[in-house]
Amino acid sequence: MSSKIAMIGAGFVGAAASYAIALSGITSDLVLIDVLKEKAMGEALDIGHTLQFIKDMKIRSGDMDEISDADIIVITAGTARKPGETRLDLLKRNVGILRNSIIPEMKKHYKDSIILVVANPVDILAYFTQKDMGLPTGKVISSGTNLDTMRLVYRLSEVMGVSTKSITAYILGEHGESAFAAWSSANVAGRKLSGELKEFGVTFDDASKDQIMVDVKNGGASIIKNKGATYYGIGVSIVAICRGILFDEKVVLPVGTMMDGLYGVTDVNVSMPSVIGRRGVEKVVDIGLSDAEAALFRKSADVLKQSIKEVLEA
């Protein structure tokens, strides 16, 4: 199947995602776009040299006009999060880059692509992308809490001694400080992660769940402290979302999309489990949050709305 992905941003995340896309073989055409043209050219050439041993495809650098026939546009361009800095600290800088540089150029060439926003603060940038581009709900997706969920499942796998593939659990809400685990629906082999699970030698009480969430939330900061940036995890997260779109998989992933009343939340891009297919986010899945989790979801949405308000009032 012929398909094309345009990667806007060839920094750590854009390059790692492009390499992961090449290894996965999910597309036949990948173009890297960056204001630093030499950087995009070098990354494309480096990845291109691997083609002898992976699926043959076109990999190159290009300009913004390349988005016109792309199936998916992935936006990774933006300034990096610094050690000790929250994603929301990036707000004013990266919203400015998006609204003043990237979106005006996209408008010149955009036709009908699905737009996947990855740069942080991802939910807020996705919100402004959808509003400024004037696109319907589902056409603009934020990578949201998909990476956070990957980290949660990885940590649960360590704690329980089972494969990540046997665990279903979600981090929802904002991709940031107000994110929360939907423990009421988390399970392994159909067993709810609550109370004592003797066969796994663990007890999921409030204290253990809180510690797991601390580990998950500190995961990105720990990586940044030790190696300066995170990019492999988000690269694979991007592949999973793009695969769902290109192959119309109808896979359920916790990504961000504009809410329209679920749990009383409207007009904000925030993560819930969502069906991903050729049309982008095709359906948001209500997994039956507990009352406490629903309150956390609304609180997380309010955090994002406050940040959006600050940008609009700046």
C-alpha atoms as a PDB file:
ATOM      1  CA  MET A   1       0.000   0.000   0.000  1.00  0.00           C
ATOM      2  CA  SER A   2       1.355   3.386  -0.972  1.00  0.00           C
ATOM      3  CA  SER A   3       1.346   5.941   1.821  1.00  0.00           C
ATOM      4  CA  LYS A   4       3.258   9.003   2.947  1.00  0.00           C
ATOM      5  CA  ILE A   5       4.226  10.493   6.302  1.00  0.00           C
ATOM      6  CA  ALA A   6       5.582  14.029   6.602  1.00  0.00           C
ATOM      7  CA  MET A   7       7.670  14.597   9.726  1.00  0.00           C
ATOM      8  CA  ILE A   8       7.865  18.275  10.707  1.00  0.00           C
ATOM      9  CA  GLY A   9      10.894  18.535  12.972  1.00  0.00           C
ATOM     10  CA  ALA A  10      14.137  16.582  12.673  1.00  0.00           C
ATOM     11  CA  GLY A  11      15.394  16.959  16.231  1.00  0.00           C
ATOM     12  CA  PHE A  12      15.805  14.097  18.704  1.00  0.00           C
ATOM     13  CA  VAL A  13      12.128  13.090  18.616  1.00  0.00           C
ATOM     14  CA  GLY A  14      11.612  13.596  14.887  1.00  0.00           C
ATOM     15  CA  ALA A  15      14.756  11.646  14.034  1.00  0.00           C
ATOM     16  CA  ALA A  16      13.998   8.788  16.438  1.00  0.00           C
ATOM     17  CA  ALA A  17      10.417   8.586  15.193  1.00  0.00           C
ATOM     18  CA  SER A  18      11.589   8.583  11.579  1.00  0.00           C
ATOM     19  CA  TYR A  19      14.019   5.748  12.287  1.00  0.00           C
ATOM     20  CA  ALA A  20      11.299   3.785  14.101  1.00  0.00           C
ATOM     21  CA  ILE A  21       8.932   4.358  11.167  1.00  0.00           C
ATOM     22  CA  ALA A  22      11.565   3.101   8.732  1.00  0.00           C
ATOM     23  CA  LEU A  23      12.214  -0.022  10.796  1.00  0.00           C
ATOM     24  CA  SER A  24       8.477  -0.703  11.130  1.00  0.00           C
ATOM     25  CA  GLY A  25       7.881  -0.539   7.381  1.00  0.00           C
ATOM     26  CA  ILE A  26       4.464   1.086   7.824  1.00  0.00           C
ATOM     27  CA  THR A  27       4.860   3.632   5.014  1.00  0.00           C
ATOM     28  CA  SER A  28       6.343   3.756   1.536  1.00  0.00           C
ATOM     29  CA  ASP A  29       7.339   7.429   1.663  1.00  0.00           C
ATOM     30  CA  LEU A  30       8.803   9.444   4.540  1.00  0.00           C
ATOM     31  CA  VAL A  31       9.898  13.065   4.269  1.00  0.00           C
ATOM     32  CA  LEU A  32      11.677  15.040   7.014  1.00  0.00           C
ATOM     33  CA  ILE A  33      11.025  18.789   7.171  1.00  0.00           C
ATOM     34  CA  ASP A  34      12.947  21.213   9.362  1.00  0.00           C
ATOM     35  CA  VAL A  35      13.972  24.863   9.324  1.00  0.00           C
ATOM     36  CA  LEU A  36      17.503  23.474   9.732  1.00  0.00           C
ATOM     37  CA  LYS A  37      17.549  21.948   6.272  1.00  0.00           C
ATOM     38  CA  GLU A  38      20.992  20.397   6.648  1.00  0.00           C
ATOM     39  CA  LYS A  39      19.871  18.582   9.815  1.00  0.00           C
ATOM     40  CA  ALA A  40      16.830  17.122   8.050  1.00  0.00           C
ATOM     41  CA  MET A  41      18.980  16.136   5.086  1.00  0.00           C
ATOM     42  CA  GLY A  42      21.558  14.429   7.294  1.00  0.00           C
ATOM     43  CA  GLU A  43      18.961  12.472   9.275  1.00  0.00           C
ATOM     44  CA  ALA A  44      17.185  11.350   6.115  1.00  0.00           C
ATOM     45  CA  LEU A  45      20.464  10.222   4.552  1.00  0.00           C
ATOM     46  CA  ASP A  46      21.552   8.368   7.691  1.00  0.00           C
ATOM     47  CA  ILE A  47      18.244   6.489   7.882  1.00  0.00           C
ATOM     48  CA  GLY A  48      18.249   5.946   4.128  1.00  0.00           C
ATOM     49  CA  HIS A  49      21.529   4.052   4.377  1.00  0.00           C
ATOM     50  CA  THR A  50      19.705   1.317   6.345  1.00  0.00           C
ATOM     51  CA  LEU A  51      17.314   0.422   3.530  1.00  0.00           C
ATOM     52  CA  GLN A  52      19.304  -2.551   2.262  1.00  0.00           C
ATOM     53  CA  PHE A  53      18.311  -4.495   5.364  1.00  0.00           C
ATOM     54  CA  ILE A  54      14.776  -3.215   6.007  1.00  0.00           C
ATOM     55  CA  LYS A  55      11.674  -2.686   3.877  1.00  0.00           C
ATOM     56  CA  ASP A  56      12.468  -0.597   0.803  1.00  0.00           C
ATOM     57  CA  MET A  57      10.929   2.869   0.861  1.00  0.00           C
ATOM     58  CA  LYS A  58      11.620   6.483  -0.013  1.00  0.00           C
ATOM     59  CA  ILE A  59      13.273   8.541   2.737  1.00  0.00           C
ATOM     60  CA  ARG A  60      14.346  12.108   2.090  1.00  0.00           C
ATOM     61  CA  SER A  61      14.256  15.676   3.343  1.00  0.00           C
ATOM     62  CA  GLY A  62      11.987  18.287   1.838  1.00  0.00           C
ATOM     63  CA  ASP A  63      10.053  21.510   2.242  1.00  0.00           C
ATOM     64  CA  MET A  64       6.594  22.246   3.614  1.00  0.00           C
ATOM     65  CA  ASP A  65       4.936  21.759   0.223  1.00  0.00           C
ATOM     66  CA  GLU A  66       5.548  18.024   0.756  1.00  0.00           C
ATOM     67  CA  ILE A  67       2.637  17.886   3.206  1.00  0.00           C
ATOM     68  CA  SER A  68       0.071  18.383   0.432  1.00  0.00           C
ATOM     69  CA  ASP A  69      -0.155  14.667  -0.423  1.00  0.00           C
ATOM     70  CA  ALA A  70       0.820  13.220   2.958  1.00  0.00           C
ATOM     71  CA  ASP A  71      -1.533  10.776   4.657  1.00  0.00           C
ATOM     72  CA  ILE A  72      -0.197  11.847   8.058  1.00  0.00           C
ATOM     73  CA  ILE A  73       1.598  14.996   9.173  1.00  0.00           C
ATOM     74  CA  VAL A  74       3.559  14.506  12.405  1.00  0.00           C
ATOM     75  CA  ILE A  75       4.551  17.693  14.252  1.00  0.00           C
ATOM     76  CA  THR A  76       7.552  17.232  16.531  1.00  0.00           C
ATOM     77  CA  ALA A  77       9.104  20.684  16.041  1.00  0.00           C
ATOM     78  CA  GLY A  78       9.551  22.808  19.138  1.00  0.00           C
ATOM     79  CA  THR A  79      11.935  23.623  21.935  1.00  0.00           C
ATOM     80  CA  ALA A  80      12.965  20.788  24.250  1.00  0.00           C
ATOM     81  CA  ARG A  81      11.934  20.400  27.871  1.00  0.00           C
ATOM     82  CA  LYS A  82      14.803  21.223  30.228  1.00  0.00           C
ATOM     83  CA  PRO A  83      15.712  19.257  33.381  1.00  0.00           C
ATOM     84  CA  GLY A  84      13.283  20.131  36.170  1.00  0.00           C
ATOM     85  CA  GLU A  85      10.927  21.892  33.769  1.00  0.00           C
ATOM     86  CA  THR A  86       7.290  20.818  33.369  1.00  0.00           C
ATOM     87  CA  ARG A  87       5.688  20.446  29.992  1.00  0.00           C
ATOM     88  CA  LEU A  88       3.456  23.395  30.730  1.00  0.00           C
ATOM     89  CA  ASP A  89       6.555  25.577  31.153  1.00  0.00           C
ATOM     90  CA  LEU A  90       7.021  25.130  27.430  1.00  0.00           C
ATOM     91  CA  LEU A  91       3.633  26.642  26.759  1.00  0.00           C
ATOM     92  CA  LYS A  92       4.327  30.152  25.561  1.00  0.00           C
ATOM     93  CA  ARG A  93       7.484  29.284  23.622  1.00  0.00           C
ATOM     94  CA  ASN A  94       6.082  26.353  21.672  1.00  0.00           C
ATOM     95  CA  VAL A  95       2.624  27.824  21.085  1.00  0.00           C
ATOM     96  CA  GLY A  96       4.396  30.802  19.533  1.00  0.00           C
ATOM     97  CA  ILE A  97       6.458  28.575  17.243  1.00  0.00           C
ATOM     98  CA  LEU A  98       3.353  26.633  16.229  1.00  0.00           C
ATOM     99  CA  ARG A  99       0.994  29.536  15.587  1.00  0.00           C
ATOM    100  CA  ASN A 100       3.486  31.987  14.100  1.00  0.00           C
ATOM    101  CA  SER A 101       5.652  29.679  11.989  1.00  0.00           C
ATOM    102  CA  ILE A 102       4.350  26.147  11.452  1.00  0.00           C
ATOM    103  CA  ILE A 103       0.595  26.603  11.000  1.00  0.00           C
ATOM    104  CA  PRO A 104       0.826  29.548   8.550  1.00  0.00           C
ATOM    105  CA  GLU A 105       3.092  27.433   6.322  1.00  0.00           C
ATOM    106  CA  MET A 106       0.871  24.369   6.699  1.00  0.00           C
ATOM    107  CA  LYS A 107      -2.189  26.336   5.610  1.00  0.00           C
ATOM    108  CA  LYS A 108      -0.526  27.080   2.281  1.00  0.00           C
ATOM    109  CA  HIS A 109      -0.250  23.393   1.371  1.00  0.00           C
ATOM    110  CA  TYR A 110      -2.619  21.346   3.564  1.00  0.00           C
ATOM    111  CA  LYS A 111      -5.297  19.237   1.857  1.00  0.00           C
ATOM    112  CA  ASP A 112      -6.708  16.308   3.821  1.00  0.00           C
ATOM    113  CA  SER A 113      -4.027  14.767   6.058  1.00  0.00           C
ATOM    114  CA  ILE A 114      -4.441  13.472   9.584  1.00  0.00           C
ATOM    115  CA  ILE A 115      -2.322  15.692  11.834  1.00  0.00           C
ATOM    116  CA  LEU A 116      -0.533  14.049  14.767  1.00  0.00           C
ATOM    117  CA  VAL A 117       0.870  16.595  17.237  1.00  0.00           C
ATOM    118  CA  VAL A 118       3.752  15.362  19.390  1.00  0.00           C
ATOM    119  CA  ALA A 119       5.654  18.504  20.441  1.00  0.00           C
ATOM    120  CA  ASN A 120       4.991  19.615  24.027  1.00  0.00           C
ATOM    121  CA  PRO A 121       2.807  20.763  25.670  1.00  0.00           C
ATOM    122  CA  VAL A 122       1.132  18.366  23.275  1.00  0.00           C
ATOM    123  CA  ASP A 123      -2.526  18.717  24.280  1.00  0.00           C
ATOM    124  CA  ILE A 124      -2.431  22.502  24.110  1.00  0.00           C
ATOM    125  CA  LEU A 125      -0.559  22.531  20.804  1.00  0.00           C
ATOM    126  CA  ALA A 126      -3.086  20.071  19.356  1.00  0.00           C
ATOM    127  CA  TYR A 127      -5.927  22.323  20.553  1.00  0.00           C
ATOM    128  CA  PHE A 128      -4.501  25.351  18.755  1.00  0.00           C
ATOM    129  CA  THR A 129      -3.662  23.292  15.676  1.00  0.00           C
ATOM    130  CA  GLN A 130      -7.269  22.191  15.329  1.00  0.00           C
ATOM    131  CA  LYS A 131      -8.657  25.658  16.015  1.00  0.00           C
ATOM    132  CA  ASP A 132      -6.241  27.517  13.740  1.00  0.00           C
ATOM    133  CA  MET A 133      -6.500  24.978  10.912  1.00  0.00           C
ATOM    134  CA  GLY A 134     -10.304  24.884  11.219  1.00  0.00           C
ATOM    135  CA  LEU A 135     -10.426  21.085  11.105  1.00  0.00           C
ATOM    136  CA  PRO A 136     -13.137  18.761  12.432  1.00  0.00           C
ATOM    137  CA  THR A 137     -12.682  16.667  15.568  1.00  0.00           C
ATOM    138  CA  GLY A 138     -10.664  13.534  14.881  1.00  0.00           C
ATOM    139  CA  LYS A 139      -8.468  15.003  12.143  1.00  0.00           C
ATOM    140  CA  VAL A 140      -6.047  16.452  14.715  1.00  0.00           C
ATOM    141  CA  ILE A 141      -4.681  14.033  17.321  1.00  0.00           C
ATOM    142  CA  SER A 142      -2.277  14.629  20.154  1.00  0.00           C
ATOM    143  CA  SER A 143       0.019  11.748  21.086  1.00  0.00           C
ATOM    144  CA  GLY A 144      -1.451  12.452  24.515  1.00  0.00           C
ATOM    145  CA  THR A 145      -0.939   9.890  27.242  1.00  0.00           C
ATOM    146  CA  ASN A 146       0.025   7.014  24.952  1.00  0.00           C
ATOM    147  CA  LEU A 147       3.652   7.274  26.092  1.00  0.00           C
ATOM    148  CA  ASP A 148       2.620   7.639  29.743  1.00  0.00           C
ATOM    149  CA  THR A 149       0.527   4.488  29.339  1.00  0.00           C
ATOM    150  CA  MET A 150       3.485   2.648  27.832  1.00  0.00           C
ATOM    151  CA  ARG A 151       5.489   3.589  30.923  1.00  0.00           C
ATOM    152  CA  LEU A 152       2.691   2.452  33.238  1.00  0.00           C
ATOM    153  CA  VAL A 153       2.375  -0.914  31.520  1.00  0.00           C
ATOM    154  CA  TYR A 154       6.159  -1.350  31.599  1.00  0.00           C
ATOM    155  CA  ARG A 155       6.269  -0.633  35.347  1.00  0.00           C
ATOM    156  CA  LEU A 156       3.352  -2.984  36.038  1.00  0.00           C
ATOM    157  CA  SER A 157       5.131  -5.661  34.023  1.00  0.00           C
ATOM    158  CA  GLU A 158       8.173  -5.256  36.268  1.00  0.00           C
ATOM    159  CA  VAL A 159       6.111  -5.378  39.455  1.00  0.00           C
ATOM    160  CA  MET A 160       4.025  -8.386  38.429  1.00  0.00           C
ATOM    161  CA  GLY A 161       6.562 -10.403  36.445  1.00  0.00           C
ATOM    162  CA  VAL A 162       4.333 -10.771  33.375  1.00  0.00           C
ATOM    163  CA  SER A 163       4.605  -9.614  29.782  1.00  0.00           C
ATOM    164  CA  THR A 164       3.526  -6.086  28.923  1.00  0.00           C
ATOM    165  CA  LYS A 165       1.269  -7.693  26.310  1.00  0.00           C
ATOM    166  CA  SER A 166      -0.836  -9.286  29.057  1.00  0.00           C
ATOM    167  CA  ILE A 167      -1.619  -5.995  30.808  1.00  0.00           C
ATOM    168  CA  THR A 168      -4.371  -3.495  30.013  1.00  0.00           C
ATOM    169  CA  ALA A 169      -4.075  -0.177  31.826  1.00  0.00           C
ATOM    170  CA  TYR A 170      -4.359   3.488  30.909  1.00  0.00           C
ATOM    171  CA  ILE A 171      -2.979   6.834  31.969  1.00  0.00           C
ATOM    172  CA  LEU A 172      -5.559   9.466  31.029  1.00  0.00           C
ATOM    173  CA  GLY A 173      -6.082  13.223  31.062  1.00  0.00           C
ATOM    174  CA  GLU A 174      -3.313  15.691  30.333  1.00  0.00           C
ATOM    175  CA  HIS A 175       0.102  14.531  29.151  1.00  0.00           C
ATOM    176  CA  GLY A 176       1.642  16.173  32.186  1.00  0.00           C
ATOM    177  CA  GLU A 177       1.367  16.686  35.917  1.00  0.00           C
ATOM    178  CA  SER A 178      -2.407  16.197  36.224  1.00  0.00           C
ATOM    179  CA  ALA A 179      -2.436  12.830  34.424  1.00  0.00           C
ATOM    180  CA  PHE A 180      -3.931   9.911  36.349  1.00  0.00           C
ATOM    181  CA  ALA A 181      -4.155   6.134  36.136  1.00  0.00           C
ATOM    182  CA  ALA A 182      -7.595   4.634  35.491  1.00  0.00           C
ATOM    183  CA  TRP A 183      -7.098   1.888  38.067  1.00  0.00           C
ATOM    184  CA  SER A 184     -10.763   0.859  38.030  1.00  0.00           C
ATOM    185  CA  SER A 185     -10.351  -0.669  34.553  1.00  0.00           C
ATOM    186  CA  ALA A 186      -6.707  -1.853  34.825  1.00  0.00           C
ATOM    187  CA  ASN A 187      -6.299  -5.617  34.594  1.00  0.00           C
ATOM    188  CA  VAL A 188      -3.974  -8.511  33.823  1.00  0.00           C
ATOM    189  CA  ALA A 189      -5.492 -11.598  32.206  1.00  0.00           C
ATOM    190  CA  GLY A 190      -8.896 -10.231  33.172  1.00  0.00           C
ATOM    191  CA  ARG A 191      -7.948  -9.824  36.853  1.00  0.00           C
ATOM    192  CA  LYS A 192      -8.590  -6.349  38.238  1.00  0.00           C
ATOM    193  CA  LEU A 193      -5.510  -4.721  39.723  1.00  0.00           C
ATOM    194  CA  SER A 194      -6.959  -4.261  43.180  1.00  0.00           C
ATOM    195  CA  GLY A 195      -6.329  -5.946  46.525  1.00  0.00           C
ATOM    196  CA  GLU A 196      -4.077  -8.980  46.838  1.00  0.00           C
ATOM    197  CA  LEU A 197      -3.178 -10.941  43.699  1.00  0.00           C
ATOM    198  CA  LYS A 198      -1.527 -13.976  45.261  1.00  0.00           C
ATOM    199  CA  GLU A 199      -0.589 -15.664  42.000  1.00  0.00           C
ATOM    200  CA  PHE A 200       1.494 -12.597  41.117  1.00  0.00           C
ATOM    201  CA  GLY A 201       2.831 -11.988  44.613  1.00  0.00           C
ATOM    202  CA  VAL A 202       1.661  -8.381  44.764  1.00  0.00           C
ATOM    203  CA  THR A 203      -0.907  -6.277  46.581  1.00  0.00           C
ATOM    204  CA  PHE A 204      -2.467  -3.283  44.882  1.00  0.00           C
ATOM    205  CA  ASP A 205      -3.465  -1.011  47.733  1.00  0.00           C
ATOM    206  CA  ASP A 206      -3.587   2.800  47.553  1.00  0.00           C
ATOM    207  CA  ALA A 207       0.030   3.147  48.691  1.00  0.00           C
ATOM    208  CA  SER A 208       1.386   0.767  46.035  1.00  0.00           C
ATOM    209  CA  LYS A 209      -0.688   2.419  43.306  1.00  0.00           C
ATOM    210  CA  ASP A 210       0.527   5.853  44.375  1.00  0.00           C
ATOM    211  CA  GLN A 211       4.142   4.677  44.225  1.00  0.00           C
ATOM    212  CA  ILE A 212       3.668   3.219  40.760  1.00  0.00           C
ATOM    213  CA  MET A 213       2.252   6.559  39.598  1.00  0.00           C
ATOM    214  CA  VAL A 214       5.247   8.363  41.092  1.00  0.00           C
ATOM    215  CA  ASP A 215       7.555   6.012  39.161  1.00  0.00           C
ATOM    216  CA  VAL A 216       5.604   6.591  35.945  1.00  0.00           C
ATOM    217  CA  LYS A 217       5.469  10.363  36.286  1.00  0.00           C
ATOM    218  CA  ASN A 218       9.184  10.532  37.126  1.00  0.00           C
ATOM    219  CA  GLY A 219      10.096   8.304  34.196  1.00  0.00           C
ATOM    220  CA  GLY A 220      10.594  11.085  31.665  1.00  0.00           C
ATOM    221  CA  ALA A 221      12.422  13.362  34.110  1.00  0.00           C
ATOM    222  CA  SER A 222      14.745  10.509  35.074  1.00  0.00           C
ATOM    223  CA  ILE A 223      15.618   9.851  31.444  1.00  0.00           C
ATOM    224  CA  ILE A 224      16.270  13.541  30.822  1.00  0.00           C
ATOM    225  CA  LYS A 225      18.478  13.737  33.917  1.00  0.00           C
ATOM    226  CA  ASN A 226      20.543  10.736  32.828  1.00  0.00           C
ATOM    227  CA  LYS A 227      20.835  11.224  29.067  1.00  0.00           C
ATOM    228  CA  GLY A 228      19.490  14.690  28.290  1.00  0.00           C
ATOM    229  CA  ALA A 229      16.339  13.871  26.324  1.00  0.00           C
ATOM    230  CA  THR A 230      13.670  11.230  25.728  1.00  0.00           C
ATOM    231  CA  TYR A 231      13.016  10.014  22.195  1.00  0.00           C
ATOM    232  CA  TYR A 232      12.912   6.210  21.756  1.00  0.00           C
ATOM    233  CA  GLY A 233       9.665   5.736  23.677  1.00  0.00           C
ATOM    234  CA  ILE A 234       7.822   8.539  21.912  1.00  0.00           C
ATOM    235  CA  GLY A 235       9.230   7.346  18.587  1.00  0.00           C
ATOM    236  CA  VAL A 236       7.577   3.952  19.029  1.00  0.00           C
ATOM    237  CA  SER A 237       4.402   5.623  20.317  1.00  0.00           C
ATOM    238  CA  ILE A 238       4.248   7.602  17.067  1.00  0.00           C
ATOM    239  CA  VAL A 239       4.635   4.407  15.053  1.00  0.00           C
ATOM    240  CA  ALA A 240       1.750   2.763  16.925  1.00  0.00           C
ATOM    241  CA  ILE A 241      -0.572   5.703  16.239  1.00  0.00           C
ATOM    242  CA  CYS A 242       0.486   6.042  12.595  1.00  0.00           C
ATOM    243  CA  ARG A 243       0.052   2.306  12.023  1.00  0.00           C
ATOM    244  CA  GLY A 244      -3.463   2.525  13.401  1.00  0.00           C
ATOM    245  CA  ILE A 245      -4.266   5.274  10.909  1.00  0.00           C
ATOM    246  CA  LEU A 246      -2.545   3.913   7.799  1.00  0.00           C
ATOM    247  CA  PHE A 247      -3.861   0.357   8.170  1.00  0.00           C
ATOM    248  CA  ASP A 248      -7.264   1.385   9.494  1.00  0.00           C
ATOM    249  CA  GLU A 249      -6.654  -0.879  12.480  1.00  0.00           C
ATOM    250  CA  LYS A 250      -9.443   0.447  14.725  1.00  0.00           C
ATOM    251  CA  VAL A 251      -6.945   0.037  17.554  1.00  0.00           C
ATOM    252  CA  VAL A 252      -7.808   1.638  20.909  1.00  0.00           C
ATOM    253  CA  LEU A 253      -5.060   3.949  22.187  1.00  0.00           C
ATOM    254  CA  PRO A 254      -5.079   6.704  24.843  1.00  0.00           C
ATOM    255  CA  VAL A 255      -4.571   9.748  22.644  1.00  0.00           C
ATOM    256  CA  GLY A 256      -5.815  13.304  22.832  1.00  0.00           C
ATOM    257  CA  THR A 257      -8.763  14.604  20.860  1.00  0.00           C
ATOM    258  CA  MET A 258     -11.264  17.408  21.319  1.00  0.00           C
ATOM    259  CA  MET A 259     -13.840  16.458  23.935  1.00  0.00           C
ATOM    260  CA  ASP A 260     -17.536  16.985  23.330  1.00  0.00           C
ATOM    261  CA  GLY A 261     -19.235  16.420  26.662  1.00  0.00           C
ATOM    262  CA  LEU A 262     -17.793  13.150  27.992  1.00  0.00           C
ATOM    263  CA  TYR A 263     -17.850  13.418  31.815  1.00  0.00           C
ATOM    264  CA  GLY A 264     -18.855  17.046  31.341  1.00  0.00           C
ATOM    265  CA  VAL A 265     -15.647  17.987  29.476  1.00  0.00           C
ATOM    266  CA  THR A 266     -15.887  20.117  26.320  1.00  0.00           C
ATOM    267  CA  ASP A 267     -13.671  22.213  24.052  1.00  0.00           C
ATOM    268  CA  VAL A 268     -10.294  20.869  25.163  1.00  0.00           C
ATOM    269  CA  ASN A 269      -7.909  18.288  23.728  1.00  0.00           C
ATOM    270  CA  VAL A 270      -7.346  15.642  26.411  1.00  0.00           C
ATOM    271  CA  SER A 271      -6.647  11.902  26.402  1.00  0.00           C
ATOM    272  CA  MET A 272      -9.184   9.118  26.628  1.00  0.00           C
ATOM    273  CA  PRO A 273      -8.993   5.645  25.031  1.00  0.00           C
ATOM    274  CA  SER A 274      -9.907   6.258  21.393  1.00  0.00           C
ATOM    275  CA  VAL A 275     -10.483   4.164  18.283  1.00  0.00           C
ATOM    276  CA  ILE A 276      -7.771   4.986  15.733  1.00  0.00           C
ATOM    277  CA  GLY A 277      -8.452   4.367  12.049  1.00  0.00           C
ATOM    278  CA  ARG A 278      -8.067   5.835   8.605  1.00  0.00           C
ATOM    279  CA  ARG A 279     -10.136   8.888   9.555  1.00  0.00           C
ATOM    280  CA  GLY A 280      -8.017   9.621  12.626  1.00  0.00           C
ATOM    281  CA  VAL A 281      -9.815   9.407  15.965  1.00  0.00           C
ATOM    282  CA  GLU A 282     -13.047   7.728  14.945  1.00  0.00           C
ATOM    283  CA  LYS A 283     -14.582   7.239  18.376  1.00  0.00           C
ATOM    284  CA  VAL A 284     -13.808   8.052  21.997  1.00  0.00           C
ATOM    285  CA  VAL A 285     -14.355   5.059  24.279  1.00  0.00           C
ATOM    286  CA  ASP A 286     -16.006   5.577  27.650  1.00  0.00           C
ATOM    287  CA  ILE A 287     -14.312   2.869  29.749  1.00  0.00           C
ATOM    288  CA  GLY A 288     -16.492   3.604  32.763  1.00  0.00           C
ATOM    289  CA  LEU A 289     -14.365   5.757  35.020  1.00  0.00           C
ATOM    290  CA  SER A 290     -15.109   5.664  38.725  1.00  0.00           C
ATOM    291  CA  ASP A 291     -16.526   8.831  40.258  1.00  0.00           C
ATOM    292  CA  ALA A 292     -13.098   9.697  41.652  1.00  0.00           C
ATOM    293  CA  GLU A 293     -11.423   9.113  38.268  1.00  0.00           C
ATOM    294  CA  ALA A 294     -14.068  11.177  36.473  1.00  0.00           C
ATOM    295  CA  ALA A 295     -13.301  14.021  38.888  1.00  0.00           C
ATOM    296  CA  LEU A 296      -9.588  13.703  38.083  1.00  0.00           C
ATOM    297  CA  PHE A 297     -10.403  13.757  34.375  1.00  0.00           C
ATOM    298  CA  ARG A 298     -12.368  16.988  34.764  1.00  0.00           C
ATOM    299  CA  LYS A 299      -9.595  18.472  36.905  1.00  0.00           C
ATOM    300  CA  SER A 300      -6.991  17.606  34.258  1.00  0.00           C
ATOM    301  CA  ALA A 301      -9.142  19.211  31.556  1.00  0.00           C
ATOM    302  CA  ASP A 302      -9.475  22.335  33.713  1.00  0.00           C
ATOM    303  CA  VAL A 303      -5.686  22.551  34.050  1.00  0.00           C
ATOM    304  CA  LEU A 304      -5.381  22.567  30.263  1.00  0.00           C
ATOM    305  CA  LYS A 305      -8.197  25.085  29.842  1.00  0.00           C
ATOM    306  CA  GLN A 306      -6.483  27.441  32.275  1.00  0.00           C
ATOM    307  CA  SER A 307      -3.259  27.213  30.277  1.00  0.00           C
ATOM    308  CA  ILE A 308      -5.141  27.899  27.031  1.00  0.00           C
ATOM    309  CA  LYS A 309      -6.773  30.901  28.689  1.00  0.00           C
ATOM    310  CA  GLU A 310      -3.350  32.243  29.709  1.00  0.00           C
ATOM    311  CA  VAL A 311      -2.137  31.997  26.115  1.00  0.00           C
ATOM    312  CA  LEU A 312      -5.198  33.746  24.741  1.00  0.00           C
ATOM    313  CA  GLU A 313      -4.877  36.527  27.306  1.00  0.00           C
ATOM    314  CA  ALA A 314      -1.124  37.000  26.833  1.00  0.00           C
END
